[in-house]
N, C-alpha and C. Protein backbone atom coordinates (compact mmCIF):
# COMPACT_ATOMS: atom_id res chain seq x y z
N MET A 1 109.17 111.35 114.11
CA MET A 1 108.14 112.33 113.82
C MET A 1 108.43 113.56 114.66
N SER A 2 108.23 114.67 114.10
CA SER A 2 108.61 115.90 114.79
C SER A 2 107.50 116.43 115.67
N THR A 3 106.91 115.56 116.43
CA THR A 3 105.90 115.94 117.40
C THR A 3 106.38 115.50 118.77
N SER A 4 105.78 116.03 119.80
CA SER A 4 106.22 115.66 121.14
C SER A 4 105.43 114.48 121.70
N ASP A 5 104.48 113.93 120.93
CA ASP A 5 103.72 112.76 121.39
C ASP A 5 104.65 111.56 121.58
N GLU A 6 104.54 110.92 122.73
CA GLU A 6 105.41 109.77 123.01
C GLU A 6 105.27 108.69 121.94
N GLY A 7 104.04 108.43 121.51
CA GLY A 7 103.82 107.41 120.49
C GLY A 7 104.53 107.72 119.19
N ALA A 8 104.52 108.98 118.78
CA ALA A 8 105.20 109.39 117.56
C ALA A 8 106.71 109.23 117.70
N ILE A 9 107.23 109.57 118.85
CA ILE A 9 108.66 109.45 119.10
C ILE A 9 109.08 107.98 119.06
N ILE A 10 108.29 107.12 119.69
CA ILE A 10 108.59 105.68 119.70
C ILE A 10 108.53 105.12 118.29
N ALA A 11 107.50 105.47 117.52
CA ALA A 11 107.34 104.95 116.16
C ALA A 11 108.54 105.31 115.30
N LEU A 12 108.98 106.56 115.36
CA LEU A 12 110.13 106.97 114.56
C LEU A 12 111.41 106.29 115.04
N LYS A 13 111.55 106.11 116.33
CA LYS A 13 112.72 105.39 116.86
C LYS A 13 112.73 103.95 116.34
N GLU A 14 111.58 103.30 116.34
CA GLU A 14 111.49 101.94 115.82
C GLU A 14 111.87 101.90 114.33
N ALA A 15 111.39 102.89 113.57
CA ALA A 15 111.72 102.94 112.14
C ALA A 15 113.22 103.10 111.94
N ARG A 16 113.83 103.98 112.71
CA ARG A 16 115.28 104.20 112.59
C ARG A 16 116.08 102.96 113.00
N GLU A 17 115.61 102.25 114.01
CA GLU A 17 116.28 101.01 114.42
C GLU A 17 116.16 99.96 113.32
N GLY A 18 114.99 99.93 112.67
CA GLY A 18 114.82 99.02 111.54
C GLY A 18 115.79 99.35 110.42
N LEU A 19 115.95 100.62 110.12
CA LEU A 19 116.89 101.05 109.08
C LEU A 19 118.31 100.63 109.45
N ALA A 20 118.69 100.81 110.69
CA ALA A 20 120.03 100.43 111.15
C ALA A 20 120.27 98.93 110.98
N GLN A 21 119.20 98.14 111.02
CA GLN A 21 119.30 96.69 110.83
C GLN A 21 119.23 96.30 109.35
N GLY A 22 119.07 97.29 108.48
CA GLY A 22 118.93 97.01 107.05
C GLY A 22 117.52 96.62 106.67
N GLY A 23 116.57 96.87 107.57
CA GLY A 23 115.18 96.53 107.32
C GLY A 23 114.37 97.71 106.85
N ILE A 24 113.17 97.43 106.40
CA ILE A 24 112.25 98.46 105.94
C ILE A 24 111.89 99.33 107.13
N PRO A 25 112.19 100.62 107.07
CA PRO A 25 112.04 101.48 108.25
C PRO A 25 110.62 102.01 108.46
N VAL A 26 109.77 101.11 108.93
CA VAL A 26 108.41 101.50 109.31
C VAL A 26 108.24 101.09 110.76
N GLY A 27 107.94 102.06 111.61
CA GLY A 27 107.78 101.80 113.03
C GLY A 27 106.39 102.17 113.50
N SER A 28 106.02 101.60 114.64
CA SER A 28 104.68 101.84 115.17
C SER A 28 104.69 101.74 116.69
N ALA A 29 103.72 102.42 117.29
CA ALA A 29 103.51 102.33 118.74
C ALA A 29 102.02 102.44 119.01
N ILE A 30 101.55 101.68 119.99
CA ILE A 30 100.15 101.71 120.40
C ILE A 30 100.09 102.29 121.80
N ILE A 31 99.28 103.33 121.96
CA ILE A 31 99.18 104.04 123.23
C ILE A 31 97.74 103.99 123.73
N SER A 32 97.57 103.62 124.99
CA SER A 32 96.23 103.55 125.59
C SER A 32 95.65 104.95 125.77
N PRO A 33 94.34 105.05 125.99
CA PRO A 33 93.75 106.37 126.25
C PRO A 33 94.37 107.06 127.48
N GLU A 34 94.91 106.28 128.40
CA GLU A 34 95.55 106.82 129.60
C GLU A 34 97.01 107.19 129.38
N GLY A 35 97.53 106.93 128.18
CA GLY A 35 98.91 107.28 127.87
C GLY A 35 99.91 106.17 128.08
N LYS A 36 99.46 104.96 128.37
CA LYS A 36 100.36 103.82 128.58
C LYS A 36 100.76 103.21 127.24
N VAL A 37 102.04 102.88 127.09
CA VAL A 37 102.51 102.20 125.89
C VAL A 37 102.05 100.74 125.96
N LEU A 38 101.19 100.35 125.02
CA LEU A 38 100.68 98.98 124.98
C LEU A 38 101.56 98.08 124.13
N GLY A 39 102.12 98.64 123.07
CA GLY A 39 102.94 97.85 122.16
C GLY A 39 103.77 98.75 121.27
N ARG A 40 104.82 98.16 120.73
CA ARG A 40 105.70 98.89 119.81
C ARG A 40 106.35 97.87 118.90
N GLY A 41 106.70 98.32 117.70
CA GLY A 41 107.32 97.37 116.79
C GLY A 41 107.80 98.04 115.52
N ARG A 42 108.52 97.24 114.72
CA ARG A 42 109.03 97.72 113.44
C ARG A 42 108.84 96.63 112.40
N ASN A 43 108.83 97.03 111.16
CA ASN A 43 108.71 96.08 110.07
C ASN A 43 109.89 95.11 110.13
N MET A 44 109.60 93.81 110.05
CA MET A 44 110.64 92.79 110.15
C MET A 44 110.70 91.90 108.91
N ARG A 45 110.17 92.39 107.79
CA ARG A 45 110.17 91.58 106.56
C ARG A 45 111.58 91.18 106.16
N VAL A 46 112.51 92.11 106.19
CA VAL A 46 113.88 91.82 105.78
C VAL A 46 114.62 91.03 106.86
N GLN A 47 114.56 91.50 108.10
CA GLN A 47 115.34 90.89 109.18
C GLN A 47 114.91 89.44 109.47
N ASN A 48 113.60 89.19 109.50
CA ASN A 48 113.09 87.86 109.85
C ASN A 48 112.50 87.10 108.68
N GLY A 49 112.44 87.74 107.52
CA GLY A 49 111.81 87.09 106.38
C GLY A 49 110.30 86.96 106.56
N SER A 50 109.74 87.77 107.43
CA SER A 50 108.31 87.66 107.73
C SER A 50 107.49 88.58 106.82
N PRO A 51 106.57 88.02 106.07
CA PRO A 51 105.73 88.87 105.22
C PRO A 51 104.62 89.58 105.99
N ILE A 52 104.41 89.21 107.25
CA ILE A 52 103.28 89.79 107.99
C ILE A 52 103.69 90.65 109.19
N LEU A 53 104.95 90.67 109.55
CA LEU A 53 105.37 91.52 110.66
C LEU A 53 105.74 92.90 110.14
N HIS A 54 104.71 93.67 109.86
CA HIS A 54 104.89 95.07 109.49
C HIS A 54 105.00 95.85 110.79
N GLY A 55 105.26 97.14 110.71
CA GLY A 55 105.41 97.93 111.93
C GLY A 55 104.20 97.81 112.85
N GLU A 56 103.01 97.93 112.27
CA GLU A 56 101.78 97.90 113.08
C GLU A 56 101.50 96.51 113.65
N THR A 57 101.62 95.47 112.82
CA THR A 57 101.35 94.13 113.33
C THR A 57 102.41 93.69 114.33
N ALA A 58 103.65 94.17 114.15
CA ALA A 58 104.69 93.87 115.14
C ALA A 58 104.37 94.53 116.48
N ALA A 59 103.78 95.73 116.43
CA ALA A 59 103.38 96.40 117.68
C ALA A 59 102.27 95.61 118.38
N PHE A 60 101.30 95.12 117.61
CA PHE A 60 100.25 94.28 118.21
C PHE A 60 100.87 93.00 118.76
N ASP A 61 101.79 92.40 118.03
CA ASP A 61 102.43 91.16 118.47
C ASP A 61 103.21 91.37 119.77
N SER A 62 103.81 92.53 119.93
CA SER A 62 104.57 92.79 121.16
C SER A 62 103.65 92.91 122.38
N ALA A 63 102.36 93.09 122.12
CA ALA A 63 101.38 93.22 123.21
C ALA A 63 100.51 91.97 123.32
N ARG A 64 101.05 90.85 122.94
CA ARG A 64 100.26 89.61 122.84
C ARG A 64 99.66 89.13 124.15
N THR A 65 100.17 89.59 125.28
CA THR A 65 99.61 89.15 126.56
C THR A 65 98.36 89.94 126.96
N LEU A 66 98.06 91.02 126.23
CA LEU A 66 96.88 91.83 126.54
C LEU A 66 95.62 91.22 125.96
N ASP A 67 94.50 91.56 126.54
CA ASP A 67 93.21 91.15 125.99
C ASP A 67 92.79 92.12 124.90
N MET A 68 91.94 91.67 124.00
CA MET A 68 91.45 92.54 122.92
C MET A 68 90.84 93.82 123.48
N LYS A 69 90.14 93.70 124.59
CA LYS A 69 89.47 94.87 125.17
C LYS A 69 90.46 95.94 125.62
N ASP A 70 91.71 95.55 125.87
CA ASP A 70 92.72 96.51 126.31
C ASP A 70 93.09 97.54 125.23
N PHE A 71 92.76 97.22 123.98
CA PHE A 71 93.08 98.12 122.87
C PHE A 71 91.96 99.10 122.55
N ALA A 72 90.80 98.90 123.15
CA ALA A 72 89.66 99.77 122.86
C ALA A 72 90.00 101.22 123.20
N GLY A 73 89.79 102.09 122.25
CA GLY A 73 90.05 103.51 122.46
C GLY A 73 91.49 103.93 122.30
N ALA A 74 92.38 103.00 121.97
CA ALA A 74 93.80 103.31 121.86
C ALA A 74 94.11 104.08 120.58
N THR A 75 95.29 104.68 120.58
CA THR A 75 95.82 105.37 119.41
C THR A 75 97.03 104.60 118.92
N ILE A 76 97.09 104.39 117.61
CA ILE A 76 98.28 103.77 117.03
C ILE A 76 99.01 104.83 116.20
N TYR A 77 100.30 104.89 116.39
CA TYR A 77 101.18 105.78 115.64
C TYR A 77 101.96 104.90 114.67
N THR A 78 102.03 105.32 113.43
CA THR A 78 102.79 104.58 112.43
C THR A 78 103.50 105.57 111.52
N THR A 79 104.72 105.25 111.15
CA THR A 79 105.50 106.19 110.35
C THR A 79 105.06 106.22 108.89
N LEU A 80 104.37 105.19 108.42
CA LEU A 80 103.91 105.12 107.04
C LEU A 80 102.45 104.68 107.02
N SER A 81 101.71 105.18 106.07
CA SER A 81 100.29 104.83 105.95
C SER A 81 100.13 103.31 105.89
N PRO A 82 99.16 102.77 106.61
CA PRO A 82 99.05 101.31 106.72
C PRO A 82 98.58 100.63 105.44
N CYS A 83 99.07 99.42 105.27
CA CYS A 83 98.62 98.57 104.17
C CYS A 83 97.25 97.99 104.54
N PRO A 84 96.59 97.26 103.63
CA PRO A 84 95.29 96.68 103.95
C PRO A 84 95.32 95.72 105.15
N MET A 85 96.38 94.93 105.27
CA MET A 85 96.47 93.98 106.40
C MET A 85 96.54 94.73 107.72
N CYS A 86 97.38 95.75 107.79
CA CYS A 86 97.54 96.50 109.04
C CYS A 86 96.30 97.31 109.37
N ALA A 87 95.66 97.86 108.34
CA ALA A 87 94.40 98.58 108.57
C ALA A 87 93.35 97.62 109.13
N GLY A 88 93.30 96.41 108.61
CA GLY A 88 92.36 95.41 109.13
C GLY A 88 92.64 95.07 110.58
N ALA A 89 93.91 94.96 110.94
CA ALA A 89 94.26 94.68 112.34
C ALA A 89 93.80 95.82 113.24
N MET A 90 93.97 97.05 112.78
CA MET A 90 93.52 98.20 113.57
C MET A 90 92.02 98.16 113.80
N ILE A 91 91.28 97.80 112.77
CA ILE A 91 89.83 97.68 112.88
C ILE A 91 89.48 96.56 113.84
N LEU A 92 90.11 95.41 113.67
CA LEU A 92 89.84 94.25 114.52
C LEU A 92 90.09 94.54 116.00
N PHE A 93 91.16 95.27 116.30
CA PHE A 93 91.54 95.54 117.68
C PHE A 93 90.81 96.74 118.29
N GLY A 94 89.98 97.42 117.52
CA GLY A 94 89.19 98.53 118.06
C GLY A 94 89.96 99.80 118.30
N ILE A 95 90.99 100.03 117.49
CA ILE A 95 91.77 101.27 117.61
C ILE A 95 90.85 102.45 117.32
N GLN A 96 90.99 103.52 118.08
CA GLN A 96 90.14 104.69 117.93
C GLN A 96 90.77 105.76 117.04
N LYS A 97 92.10 105.89 117.12
CA LYS A 97 92.78 106.96 116.38
C LYS A 97 94.06 106.42 115.77
N VAL A 98 94.33 106.85 114.53
CA VAL A 98 95.55 106.46 113.82
C VAL A 98 96.29 107.74 113.47
N VAL A 99 97.55 107.82 113.89
CA VAL A 99 98.40 108.96 113.54
C VAL A 99 99.47 108.43 112.59
N ILE A 100 99.45 108.96 111.37
CA ILE A 100 100.31 108.49 110.29
C ILE A 100 101.40 109.52 110.04
N GLY A 101 102.64 109.09 110.08
CA GLY A 101 103.75 110.00 109.85
C GLY A 101 103.76 110.57 108.45
N GLU A 102 103.59 109.70 107.45
CA GLU A 102 103.55 110.16 106.06
C GLU A 102 102.83 109.15 105.19
N ASN A 103 102.26 109.66 104.09
CA ASN A 103 101.57 108.77 103.16
C ASN A 103 101.95 109.07 101.71
N THR A 104 103.15 109.61 101.50
CA THR A 104 103.59 109.88 100.14
C THR A 104 104.28 108.67 99.51
N HIS A 105 104.98 107.88 100.30
CA HIS A 105 105.66 106.69 99.77
C HIS A 105 104.68 105.55 99.52
N MET A 106 103.63 105.51 100.28
CA MET A 106 102.59 104.51 100.07
C MET A 106 101.29 105.09 100.61
N SER A 107 100.31 105.10 99.75
CA SER A 107 99.00 105.56 100.19
C SER A 107 98.27 104.35 100.76
N GLY A 108 97.83 104.49 101.97
CA GLY A 108 97.21 103.36 102.65
C GLY A 108 95.71 103.37 102.58
N ARG A 109 95.14 103.02 103.66
CA ARG A 109 93.69 102.81 103.73
C ARG A 109 93.03 103.82 104.66
N GLU A 110 93.39 105.09 104.50
CA GLU A 110 92.84 106.12 105.38
C GLU A 110 91.31 106.17 105.35
N GLU A 111 90.73 106.08 104.14
CA GLU A 111 89.27 106.15 104.03
C GLU A 111 88.61 104.92 104.64
N LEU A 112 89.21 103.76 104.48
CA LEU A 112 88.68 102.55 105.12
C LEU A 112 88.65 102.72 106.63
N LEU A 113 89.73 103.23 107.19
CA LEU A 113 89.79 103.44 108.63
C LEU A 113 88.73 104.44 109.09
N ARG A 114 88.59 105.52 108.35
CA ARG A 114 87.55 106.52 108.68
C ARG A 114 86.16 105.91 108.61
N SER A 115 85.94 105.04 107.63
CA SER A 115 84.61 104.43 107.48
C SER A 115 84.27 103.52 108.66
N HIS A 116 85.27 103.14 109.43
CA HIS A 116 85.05 102.33 110.63
C HIS A 116 85.08 103.19 111.89
N GLY A 117 84.95 104.49 111.72
CA GLY A 117 84.83 105.39 112.86
C GLY A 117 86.13 105.85 113.49
N MET A 118 87.25 105.55 112.87
CA MET A 118 88.53 105.97 113.42
C MET A 118 88.86 107.39 113.02
N GLU A 119 89.48 108.09 113.94
CA GLU A 119 90.05 109.39 113.62
C GLU A 119 91.40 109.13 112.96
N VAL A 120 91.64 109.73 111.81
CA VAL A 120 92.88 109.54 111.07
C VAL A 120 93.58 110.89 110.93
N VAL A 121 94.83 110.94 111.37
CA VAL A 121 95.63 112.16 111.28
C VAL A 121 96.88 111.83 110.46
N VAL A 122 97.12 112.58 109.40
CA VAL A 122 98.32 112.42 108.59
C VAL A 122 99.21 113.62 108.86
N LEU A 123 100.41 113.38 109.41
CA LEU A 123 101.30 114.45 109.80
C LEU A 123 102.13 115.01 108.65
N ASP A 124 102.32 114.23 107.59
CA ASP A 124 103.19 114.64 106.48
C ASP A 124 104.56 115.04 107.03
N ASP A 125 105.11 114.17 107.84
CA ASP A 125 106.34 114.45 108.60
C ASP A 125 107.59 114.17 107.77
N GLN A 126 108.46 115.15 107.68
CA GLN A 126 109.67 115.03 106.87
C GLN A 126 110.63 113.97 107.41
N ALA A 127 110.74 113.82 108.71
CA ALA A 127 111.64 112.81 109.29
C ALA A 127 111.21 111.41 108.86
N CYS A 128 109.92 111.16 108.80
CA CYS A 128 109.41 109.85 108.36
C CYS A 128 109.71 109.63 106.88
N LYS A 129 109.57 110.67 106.08
CA LYS A 129 109.90 110.57 104.66
C LYS A 129 111.40 110.32 104.48
N ASP A 130 112.21 111.03 105.25
CA ASP A 130 113.66 110.93 105.10
C ASP A 130 114.17 109.53 105.40
N VAL A 131 113.66 108.91 106.45
CA VAL A 131 114.15 107.58 106.82
C VAL A 131 113.80 106.56 105.73
N LEU A 132 112.63 106.68 105.14
CA LEU A 132 112.26 105.76 104.06
C LEU A 132 113.03 106.09 102.78
N ASP A 133 113.23 107.37 102.50
CA ASP A 133 114.05 107.77 101.34
C ASP A 133 115.45 107.16 101.44
N GLU A 134 116.03 107.22 102.63
CA GLU A 134 117.38 106.65 102.81
C GLU A 134 117.38 105.16 102.54
N PHE A 135 116.38 104.46 103.04
CA PHE A 135 116.28 103.02 102.81
C PHE A 135 116.17 102.72 101.32
N ILE A 136 115.27 103.41 100.64
CA ILE A 136 115.03 103.16 99.21
C ILE A 136 116.29 103.47 98.40
N GLN A 137 117.00 104.51 98.77
CA GLN A 137 118.24 104.86 98.07
C GLN A 137 119.30 103.79 98.28
N ARG A 138 119.42 103.27 99.50
CA ARG A 138 120.46 102.28 99.80
C ARG A 138 120.12 100.89 99.29
N TRP A 139 118.84 100.52 99.38
CA TRP A 139 118.43 99.16 99.02
C TRP A 139 117.14 99.18 98.17
N PRO A 140 117.20 99.69 96.97
CA PRO A 140 115.98 99.81 96.16
C PRO A 140 115.28 98.47 95.91
N LYS A 141 116.03 97.40 95.76
CA LYS A 141 115.41 96.09 95.50
C LYS A 141 114.60 95.59 96.69
N LYS A 142 115.04 95.94 97.90
CA LYS A 142 114.29 95.51 99.10
C LYS A 142 112.94 96.21 99.22
N TRP A 143 112.82 97.41 98.62
CA TRP A 143 111.57 98.15 98.69
C TRP A 143 110.53 97.57 97.73
N GLU A 144 110.98 96.89 96.68
CA GLU A 144 110.06 96.29 95.73
C GLU A 144 109.27 95.16 96.39
N PHE A 145 107.95 95.20 96.23
CA PHE A 145 107.13 94.12 96.78
C PHE A 145 105.89 93.94 95.98
């Protein structure tokens, strides 16, 4: 993502690492209100055959030693608009703000998140679009779900 926010930089790095592994390039990072990285992850559907380790859920999984209360007020950065499962996880964990790199390849649950009091920012970031475009061009069958 072409922003200087650490969470955005981490999320895009995770997406690019996923692409390098031949996986769906969706990355995420969770940042505390104090600026501490709580978790980070990338979609692992292709690499691990996991239907539930999306970028956002992988970031939560990487922070498994934290208590639920540690996520209160946090911001999650994701390169692609979240699916219903990931949006539900954000609600469950008490995320306060969601920064979405792009929502043109998949429209997520922005209104659902807003209805739960979350601030939702869509960056419409070209770097996030480009990494997913490259994946879809190289492996169109893997994008089908």
